[in-house]
Amino acid sequence: MKYRSVFDIIGPVMIGPSSSHTAGAARIGRAARHLFGKQPSHVDIYLYGSFKSTYKGHGTDVAIVGGILDYDTFDDRIRQSLIKAEEEGISVVLHEEEKEMDHPNTAKVRIRDGEDELEITGISIGGGKVEITELNGFPLRLSGNHPAIVLLHHDRFGAIASATGILAKEKINIGRMEVSRTAAGEAAMMVIEVDQNIPDTVMQQLQVADHITQAARISD
């Protein structure tokens, strides 16, 4: 792995004890919250590999719930996140999974509120860095280290252009883009990492753009 600065090695400013098992876990939870766009009423957390084996000592479950409450990695409230979630009416169920995953620090987070539901799978790759590897069954590669937009859309001619045209008009630069689909002409997804946080006005345009069915974002 290439590191751009010393902070990539020692990890982010964070609540400890572990950059991988605590800070990374918090970022997975926070990515789920931002993509969901609101506070859920129920959370299922599935822990695999090293996450499953060491979460009690490293507070992995506490960190994920803190992220879902939109706490950053350095927020002292992470320590009390399970209590805070209960106070806010969020039910949390933890699942210790035996399945072998490709990466030892893997968590799947399923959150819902009423009929709205979202599921992501994330891995903590060290130094507080994460990758979101699956969203609602779509494989993807999303770092969570940059602002990003996730667009669900119909696999139609012009769908990508309708989204990128809005970003170009608003002078928002695209750093990386990934497109996947279930099958030709069926459901598809765009993941667009950008250089700045996306304002509400741009999200509103994306939500009604041609062929777009759902728009979500991850902010810094």
C-alpha atoms as a PDB file:
ATOM      1  CA  MET A   1       0.000   0.000   0.000  1.00  0.00           C
ATOM      2  CA  LYS A   2       1.288   3.524  -0.810  1.00  0.00           C
ATOM      3  CA  TYR A   3       1.026   6.176   1.906  1.00  0.00           C
ATOM      4  CA  ARG A   4       0.694   9.850   1.049  1.00  0.00           C
ATOM      5  CA  SER A   5       1.622  11.188   4.509  1.00  0.00           C
ATOM      6  CA  VAL A   6       2.668  10.152   7.984  1.00  0.00           C
ATOM      7  CA  PHE A   7      -0.973  10.429   9.037  1.00  0.00           C
ATOM      8  CA  ASP A   8      -1.839   7.534   6.712  1.00  0.00           C
ATOM      9  CA  ILE A   9       0.511   5.382   8.801  1.00  0.00           C
ATOM     10  CA  ILE A  10      -0.349   6.434  12.360  1.00  0.00           C
ATOM     11  CA  GLY A  11      -4.035   6.746  11.604  1.00  0.00           C
ATOM     12  CA  PRO A  12      -6.561   9.543  12.163  1.00  0.00           C
ATOM     13  CA  VAL A  13      -7.262  11.506  15.331  1.00  0.00           C
ATOM     14  CA  MET A  14      -9.538   9.027  17.012  1.00  0.00           C
ATOM     15  CA  ILE A  15     -10.998   7.350  20.026  1.00  0.00           C
ATOM     16  CA  GLY A  16      -8.872   4.220  20.589  1.00  0.00           C
ATOM     17  CA  PRO A  17      -7.673   1.649  21.063  1.00  0.00           C
ATOM     18  CA  SER A  18      -7.248   0.575  17.418  1.00  0.00           C
ATOM     19  CA  SER A  19      -7.181   2.477  14.137  1.00  0.00           C
ATOM     20  CA  SER A  20      -8.348  -0.625  12.262  1.00  0.00           C
ATOM     21  CA  HIS A  21     -10.902  -2.002  14.720  1.00  0.00           C
ATOM     22  CA  THR A  22     -12.182   1.273  16.147  1.00  0.00           C
ATOM     23  CA  ALA A  23     -11.598   4.227  13.798  1.00  0.00           C
ATOM     24  CA  GLY A  24     -12.141   2.122  10.689  1.00  0.00           C
ATOM     25  CA  ALA A  25     -15.277   0.597  12.171  1.00  0.00           C
ATOM     26  CA  ALA A  26     -16.646   4.061  12.982  1.00  0.00           C
ATOM     27  CA  ARG A  27     -16.083   5.118   9.384  1.00  0.00           C
ATOM     28  CA  ILE A  28     -17.984   2.094   8.087  1.00  0.00           C
ATOM     29  CA  GLY A  29     -20.923   2.976  10.323  1.00  0.00           C
ATOM     30  CA  ARG A  30     -20.791   6.634   9.347  1.00  0.00           C
ATOM     31  CA  ALA A  31     -20.731   5.747   5.642  1.00  0.00           C
ATOM     32  CA  ALA A  32     -23.904   3.712   6.170  1.00  0.00           C
ATOM     33  CA  ARG A  33     -25.550   6.655   7.953  1.00  0.00           C
ATOM     34  CA  HIS A  34     -24.634   9.162   5.247  1.00  0.00           C
ATOM     35  CA  LEU A  35     -25.804   6.880   2.452  1.00  0.00           C
ATOM     36  CA  PHE A  36     -29.063   6.196   4.278  1.00  0.00           C
ATOM     37  CA  GLY A  37     -29.544   9.928   4.745  1.00  0.00           C
ATOM     38  CA  LYS A  38     -31.267   9.804   8.111  1.00  0.00           C
ATOM     39  CA  GLN A  39     -31.185   8.155  11.503  1.00  0.00           C
ATOM     40  CA  PRO A  40     -32.460   4.555  11.371  1.00  0.00           C
ATOM     41  CA  SER A  41     -34.753   2.894  13.875  1.00  0.00           C
ATOM     42  CA  HIS A  42     -33.085  -0.529  13.647  1.00  0.00           C
ATOM     43  CA  VAL A  43     -29.518  -1.679  13.010  1.00  0.00           C
ATOM     44  CA  ASP A  44     -28.130  -5.165  12.370  1.00  0.00           C
ATOM     45  CA  ILE A  45     -24.336  -5.443  12.598  1.00  0.00           C
ATOM     46  CA  TYR A  46     -22.624  -8.554  11.242  1.00  0.00           C
ATOM     47  CA  LEU A  47     -18.988  -9.009  12.294  1.00  0.00           C
ATOM     48  CA  TYR A  48     -16.567 -11.356  10.536  1.00  0.00           C
ATOM     49  CA  GLY A  49     -13.030 -12.594  11.089  1.00  0.00           C
ATOM     50  CA  SER A  50     -10.858 -10.431  13.311  1.00  0.00           C
ATOM     51  CA  PHE A  51     -13.731  -8.013  13.898  1.00  0.00           C
ATOM     52  CA  LYS A  52     -15.756 -10.853  15.371  1.00  0.00           C
ATOM     53  CA  SER A  53     -12.884 -12.154  17.494  1.00  0.00           C
ATOM     54  CA  THR A  54     -11.721  -8.888  19.047  1.00  0.00           C
ATOM     55  CA  TYR A  55     -14.668  -6.488  18.956  1.00  0.00           C
ATOM     56  CA  LYS A  56     -15.282  -6.628  22.720  1.00  0.00           C
ATOM     57  CA  GLY A  57     -11.778  -5.432  23.556  1.00  0.00           C
ATOM     58  CA  HIS A  58     -11.476  -2.966  20.692  1.00  0.00           C
ATOM     59  CA  GLY A  59     -14.998  -1.569  20.815  1.00  0.00           C
ATOM     60  CA  THR A  60     -15.746  -2.346  17.181  1.00  0.00           C
ATOM     61  CA  ASP A  61     -19.489  -2.608  17.801  1.00  0.00           C
ATOM     62  CA  VAL A  62     -19.480   0.626  19.813  1.00  0.00           C
ATOM     63  CA  ALA A  63     -17.558   2.377  17.030  1.00  0.00           C
ATOM     64  CA  ILE A  64     -19.903   1.221  14.257  1.00  0.00           C
ATOM     65  CA  VAL A  65     -22.930   2.403  16.209  1.00  0.00           C
ATOM     66  CA  GLY A  66     -21.150   5.700  16.889  1.00  0.00           C
ATOM     67  CA  GLY A  67     -20.632   6.120  13.166  1.00  0.00           C
ATOM     68  CA  ILE A  68     -24.303   5.384  12.538  1.00  0.00           C
ATOM     69  CA  LEU A  69     -25.080   8.182  15.026  1.00  0.00           C
ATOM     70  CA  ASP A  70     -22.866  10.378  12.788  1.00  0.00           C
ATOM     71  CA  TYR A  71     -20.034  10.679  15.311  1.00  0.00           C
ATOM     72  CA  ASP A  72     -16.592  11.240  13.808  1.00  0.00           C
ATOM     73  CA  THR A  73     -13.615   9.064  14.774  1.00  0.00           C
ATOM     74  CA  PHE A  74     -12.402  11.563  17.406  1.00  0.00           C
ATOM     75  CA  ASP A  75     -15.802  12.125  19.059  1.00  0.00           C
ATOM     76  CA  ASP A  76     -15.788  11.194  22.782  1.00  0.00           C
ATOM     77  CA  ARG A  77     -19.463  10.237  22.498  1.00  0.00           C
ATOM     78  CA  ILE A  78     -18.462   7.060  20.651  1.00  0.00           C
ATOM     79  CA  ARG A  79     -17.715   5.465  24.039  1.00  0.00           C
ATOM     80  CA  GLN A  80     -21.372   5.821  25.002  1.00  0.00           C
ATOM     81  CA  SER A  81     -22.873   5.154  21.583  1.00  0.00           C
ATOM     82  CA  LEU A  82     -24.799   2.005  22.551  1.00  0.00           C
ATOM     83  CA  ILE A  83     -26.457   3.878  25.414  1.00  0.00           C
ATOM     84  CA  LYS A  84     -27.155   6.876  23.202  1.00  0.00           C
ATOM     85  CA  ALA A  85     -28.677   4.679  20.480  1.00  0.00           C
ATOM     86  CA  GLU A  86     -31.031   3.114  23.023  1.00  0.00           C
ATOM     87  CA  GLU A  87     -32.019   6.563  24.313  1.00  0.00           C
ATOM     88  CA  GLU A  88     -32.849   7.630  20.765  1.00  0.00           C
ATOM     89  CA  GLY A  89     -34.990   4.559  20.133  1.00  0.00           C
ATOM     90  CA  ILE A  90     -32.560   2.730  17.863  1.00  0.00           C
ATOM     91  CA  SER A  91     -32.521  -1.022  18.347  1.00  0.00           C
ATOM     92  CA  VAL A  92     -29.138  -2.638  17.696  1.00  0.00           C
ATOM     93  CA  VAL A  93     -28.634  -6.377  17.097  1.00  0.00           C
ATOM     94  CA  LEU A  94     -25.118  -7.812  16.865  1.00  0.00           C
ATOM     95  CA  HIS A  95     -24.348 -10.943  14.860  1.00  0.00           C
ATOM     96  CA  GLU A  96     -21.086 -12.883  15.217  1.00  0.00           C
ATOM     97  CA  GLU A  97     -20.615 -14.543  11.823  1.00  0.00           C
ATOM     98  CA  GLU A  98     -18.554 -17.672  11.130  1.00  0.00           C
ATOM     99  CA  LYS A  99     -18.333 -17.189   7.358  1.00  0.00           C
ATOM    100  CA  GLU A 100     -14.801 -16.639   6.039  1.00  0.00           C
ATOM    101  CA  MET A 101     -14.488 -13.348   4.179  1.00  0.00           C
ATOM    102  CA  ASP A 102     -11.787 -12.127   1.811  1.00  0.00           C
ATOM    103  CA  HIS A 103     -10.625  -9.583   4.412  1.00  0.00           C
ATOM    104  CA  PRO A 104     -10.389 -10.303   8.171  1.00  0.00           C
ATOM    105  CA  ASN A 105     -11.713  -6.884   9.218  1.00  0.00           C
ATOM    106  CA  THR A 106     -15.130  -7.097   7.598  1.00  0.00           C
ATOM    107  CA  ALA A 107     -18.477  -5.805   8.799  1.00  0.00           C
ATOM    108  CA  LYS A 108     -21.895  -5.789   7.180  1.00  0.00           C
ATOM    109  CA  VAL A 109     -24.324  -3.153   8.383  1.00  0.00           C
ATOM    110  CA  ARG A 110     -28.037  -3.311   7.641  1.00  0.00           C
ATOM    111  CA  ILE A 111     -30.077  -0.312   8.741  1.00  0.00           C
ATOM    112  CA  ARG A 112     -33.725   0.473   8.311  1.00  0.00           C
ATOM    113  CA  ASP A 113     -36.470   2.888   9.223  1.00  0.00           C
ATOM    114  CA  GLY A 114     -39.980   1.853   8.341  1.00  0.00           C
ATOM    115  CA  GLU A 115     -39.878   0.478   4.799  1.00  0.00           C
ATOM    116  CA  ASP A 116     -36.578   2.199   3.973  1.00  0.00           C
ATOM    117  CA  GLU A 117     -33.574  -0.119   4.210  1.00  0.00           C
ATOM    118  CA  LEU A 118     -29.904  -0.055   3.284  1.00  0.00           C
ATOM    119  CA  GLU A 119     -27.150  -2.659   3.536  1.00  0.00           C
ATOM    120  CA  ILE A 120     -23.430  -2.088   3.120  1.00  0.00           C
ATOM    121  CA  THR A 121     -20.373  -4.272   3.564  1.00  0.00           C
ATOM    122  CA  GLY A 122     -17.151  -2.563   4.558  1.00  0.00           C
ATOM    123  CA  ILE A 123     -13.582  -3.546   5.333  1.00  0.00           C
ATOM    124  CA  SER A 124     -11.049  -1.732   7.509  1.00  0.00           C
ATOM    125  CA  ILE A 125      -7.721  -1.803   5.698  1.00  0.00           C
ATOM    126  CA  GLY A 126      -5.512  -0.176   8.337  1.00  0.00           C
ATOM    127  CA  GLY A 127      -4.703   3.278   9.660  1.00  0.00           C
ATOM    128  CA  GLY A 128      -8.394   4.118   9.967  1.00  0.00           C
ATOM    129  CA  LYS A 129      -8.914   3.683   6.229  1.00  0.00           C
ATOM    130  CA  VAL A 130     -11.882   1.713   4.924  1.00  0.00           C
ATOM    131  CA  GLU A 131     -13.398   0.460   1.716  1.00  0.00           C
ATOM    132  CA  ILE A 132     -17.099  -0.075   1.162  1.00  0.00           C
ATOM    133  CA  THR A 133     -17.215  -3.206  -0.973  1.00  0.00           C
ATOM    134  CA  GLU A 134     -20.942  -3.761  -1.418  1.00  0.00           C
ATOM    135  CA  LEU A 135     -24.093  -1.651  -1.320  1.00  0.00           C
ATOM    136  CA  ASN A 136     -27.527  -3.254  -1.498  1.00  0.00           C
ATOM    137  CA  GLY A 137     -26.047  -6.202  -3.373  1.00  0.00           C
ATOM    138  CA  PHE A 138     -24.003  -4.106  -5.811  1.00  0.00           C
ATOM    139  CA  PRO A 139     -20.235  -4.699  -5.670  1.00  0.00           C
ATOM    140  CA  LEU A 140     -18.239  -1.499  -5.486  1.00  0.00           C
ATOM    141  CA  ARG A 141     -15.026   0.085  -4.245  1.00  0.00           C
ATOM    142  CA  LEU A 142     -15.653   3.198  -2.203  1.00  0.00           C
ATOM    143  CA  SER A 143     -12.942   4.508   0.123  1.00  0.00           C
ATOM    144  CA  GLY A 144     -15.031   6.752   2.351  1.00  0.00           C
ATOM    145  CA  ASN A 145     -12.028   9.108   2.468  1.00  0.00           C
ATOM    146  CA  HIS A 146     -13.437  11.531  -0.114  1.00  0.00           C
ATOM    147  CA  PRO A 147     -16.867  13.061  -0.674  1.00  0.00           C
ATOM    148  CA  ALA A 148     -18.884  10.774  -2.912  1.00  0.00           C
ATOM    149  CA  ILE A 149     -22.246  10.423  -4.591  1.00  0.00           C
ATOM    150  CA  VAL A 150     -24.028   7.103  -5.043  1.00  0.00           C
ATOM    151  CA  LEU A 151     -26.744   7.078  -7.702  1.00  0.00           C
ATOM    152  CA  LEU A 152     -29.120   4.221  -8.386  1.00  0.00           C
ATOM    153  CA  HIS A 153     -30.531   4.461 -11.869  1.00  0.00           C
ATOM    154  CA  HIS A 154     -32.072   2.647 -14.796  1.00  0.00           C
ATOM    155  CA  ASP A 155     -29.514   1.266 -17.232  1.00  0.00           C
ATOM    156  CA  ARG A 156     -30.487   3.578 -20.059  1.00  0.00           C
ATOM    157  CA  PHE A 157     -28.722   5.694 -22.655  1.00  0.00           C
ATOM    158  CA  GLY A 158     -28.060   9.133 -21.192  1.00  0.00           C
ATOM    159  CA  ALA A 159     -28.238   8.199 -17.502  1.00  0.00           C
ATOM    160  CA  ILE A 160     -24.545   8.847 -16.888  1.00  0.00           C
ATOM    161  CA  ALA A 161     -24.590  12.025 -18.942  1.00  0.00           C
ATOM    162  CA  SER A 162     -27.548  13.406 -16.986  1.00  0.00           C
ATOM    163  CA  ALA A 163     -25.599  13.055 -13.720  1.00  0.00           C
ATOM    164  CA  THR A 164     -22.189  14.204 -14.932  1.00  0.00           C
ATOM    165  CA  GLY A 165     -23.769  17.121 -16.767  1.00  0.00           C
ATOM    166  CA  ILE A 166     -25.206  18.454 -13.500  1.00  0.00           C
ATOM    167  CA  LEU A 167     -21.825  18.141 -11.790  1.00  0.00           C
ATOM    168  CA  ALA A 168     -20.075  19.904 -14.668  1.00  0.00           C
ATOM    169  CA  LYS A 169     -22.616  22.737 -14.626  1.00  0.00           C
ATOM    170  CA  GLU A 170     -22.008  23.196 -10.893  1.00  0.00           C
ATOM    171  CA  LYS A 171     -18.196  23.086 -11.394  1.00  0.00           C
ATOM    172  CA  ILE A 172     -17.769  19.924  -9.295  1.00  0.00           C
ATOM    173  CA  ASN A 173     -14.722  17.921 -10.319  1.00  0.00           C
ATOM    174  CA  ILE A 174     -14.915  14.119 -10.527  1.00  0.00           C
ATOM    175  CA  GLY A 175     -11.939  12.263  -9.048  1.00  0.00           C
ATOM    176  CA  ARG A 176     -13.093   8.721  -9.714  1.00  0.00           C
ATOM    177  CA  MET A 177     -16.194   7.087 -11.150  1.00  0.00           C
ATOM    178  CA  GLU A 178     -17.454   3.512 -11.156  1.00  0.00           C
ATOM    179  CA  VAL A 179     -20.534   2.095 -12.866  1.00  0.00           C
ATOM    180  CA  SER A 180     -22.125  -1.325 -12.351  1.00  0.00           C
ATOM    181  CA  ARG A 181     -25.413  -2.971 -13.285  1.00  0.00           C
ATOM    182  CA  THR A 182     -27.363  -6.134 -12.555  1.00  0.00           C
ATOM    183  CA  ALA A 183     -27.975  -6.769 -16.276  1.00  0.00           C
ATOM    184  CA  ALA A 184     -28.332  -4.811 -19.493  1.00  0.00           C
ATOM    185  CA  GLY A 185     -31.345  -2.540 -19.269  1.00  0.00           C
ATOM    186  CA  GLU A 186     -31.951  -3.314 -15.585  1.00  0.00           C
ATOM    187  CA  ALA A 187     -30.989  -1.609 -12.304  1.00  0.00           C
ATOM    188  CA  ALA A 188     -27.595   0.103 -12.262  1.00  0.00           C
ATOM    189  CA  MET A 189     -25.442   2.147  -9.917  1.00  0.00           C
ATOM    190  CA  MET A 190     -22.951   4.989 -10.269  1.00  0.00           C
ATOM    191  CA  VAL A 191     -20.370   5.796  -7.599  1.00  0.00           C
ATOM    192  CA  ILE A 192     -18.716   9.169  -8.115  1.00  0.00           C
ATOM    193  CA  GLU A 193     -15.945  10.456  -5.843  1.00  0.00           C
ATOM    194  CA  VAL A 194     -15.558  14.227  -6.030  1.00  0.00           C
ATOM    195  CA  ASP A 195     -13.249  16.936  -4.691  1.00  0.00           C
ATOM    196  CA  GLN A 196     -15.725  18.781  -2.465  1.00  0.00           C
ATOM    197  CA  ASN A 197     -18.820  18.111  -0.416  1.00  0.00           C
ATOM    198  CA  ILE A 198     -22.015  18.123  -2.462  1.00  0.00           C
ATOM    199  CA  PRO A 199     -24.526  20.826  -1.446  1.00  0.00           C
ATOM    200  CA  ASP A 200     -28.223  20.104  -0.999  1.00  0.00           C
ATOM    201  CA  THR A 201     -29.107  22.047  -4.137  1.00  0.00           C
ATOM    202  CA  VAL A 202     -27.009  19.702  -6.288  1.00  0.00           C
ATOM    203  CA  MET A 203     -28.436  16.607  -4.591  1.00  0.00           C
ATOM    204  CA  GLN A 204     -31.932  17.876  -5.368  1.00  0.00           C
ATOM    205  CA  GLN A 205     -31.029  18.179  -9.058  1.00  0.00           C
ATOM    206  CA  LEU A 206     -29.528  14.680  -9.118  1.00  0.00           C
ATOM    207  CA  GLN A 207     -32.592  13.152  -7.474  1.00  0.00           C
ATOM    208  CA  VAL A 208     -34.829  14.297 -10.338  1.00  0.00           C
ATOM    209  CA  ALA A 209     -32.330  13.821 -13.183  1.00  0.00           C
ATOM    210  CA  ASP A 210     -33.246  11.598 -16.118  1.00  0.00           C
ATOM    211  CA  HIS A 211     -33.243   7.872 -15.264  1.00  0.00           C
ATOM    212  CA  ILE A 212     -32.012   8.437 -11.646  1.00  0.00           C
ATOM    213  CA  THR A 213     -34.118   6.581  -9.059  1.00  0.00           C
ATOM    214  CA  GLN A 214     -32.189   7.348  -5.879  1.00  0.00           C
ATOM    215  CA  ALA A 215     -29.318   9.631  -4.868  1.00  0.00           C
ATOM    216  CA  ALA A 216     -27.207   9.567  -1.713  1.00  0.00           C
ATOM    217  CA  ARG A 217     -23.929  11.114  -0.643  1.00  0.00           C
ATOM    218  CA  ILE A 218     -20.987  10.677   1.690  1.00  0.00           C
ATOM    219  CA  SER A 219     -19.489  13.893   3.054  1.00  0.00           C
ATOM    220  CA  ASP A 220     -16.130  14.555   4.648  1.00  0.00           C
END
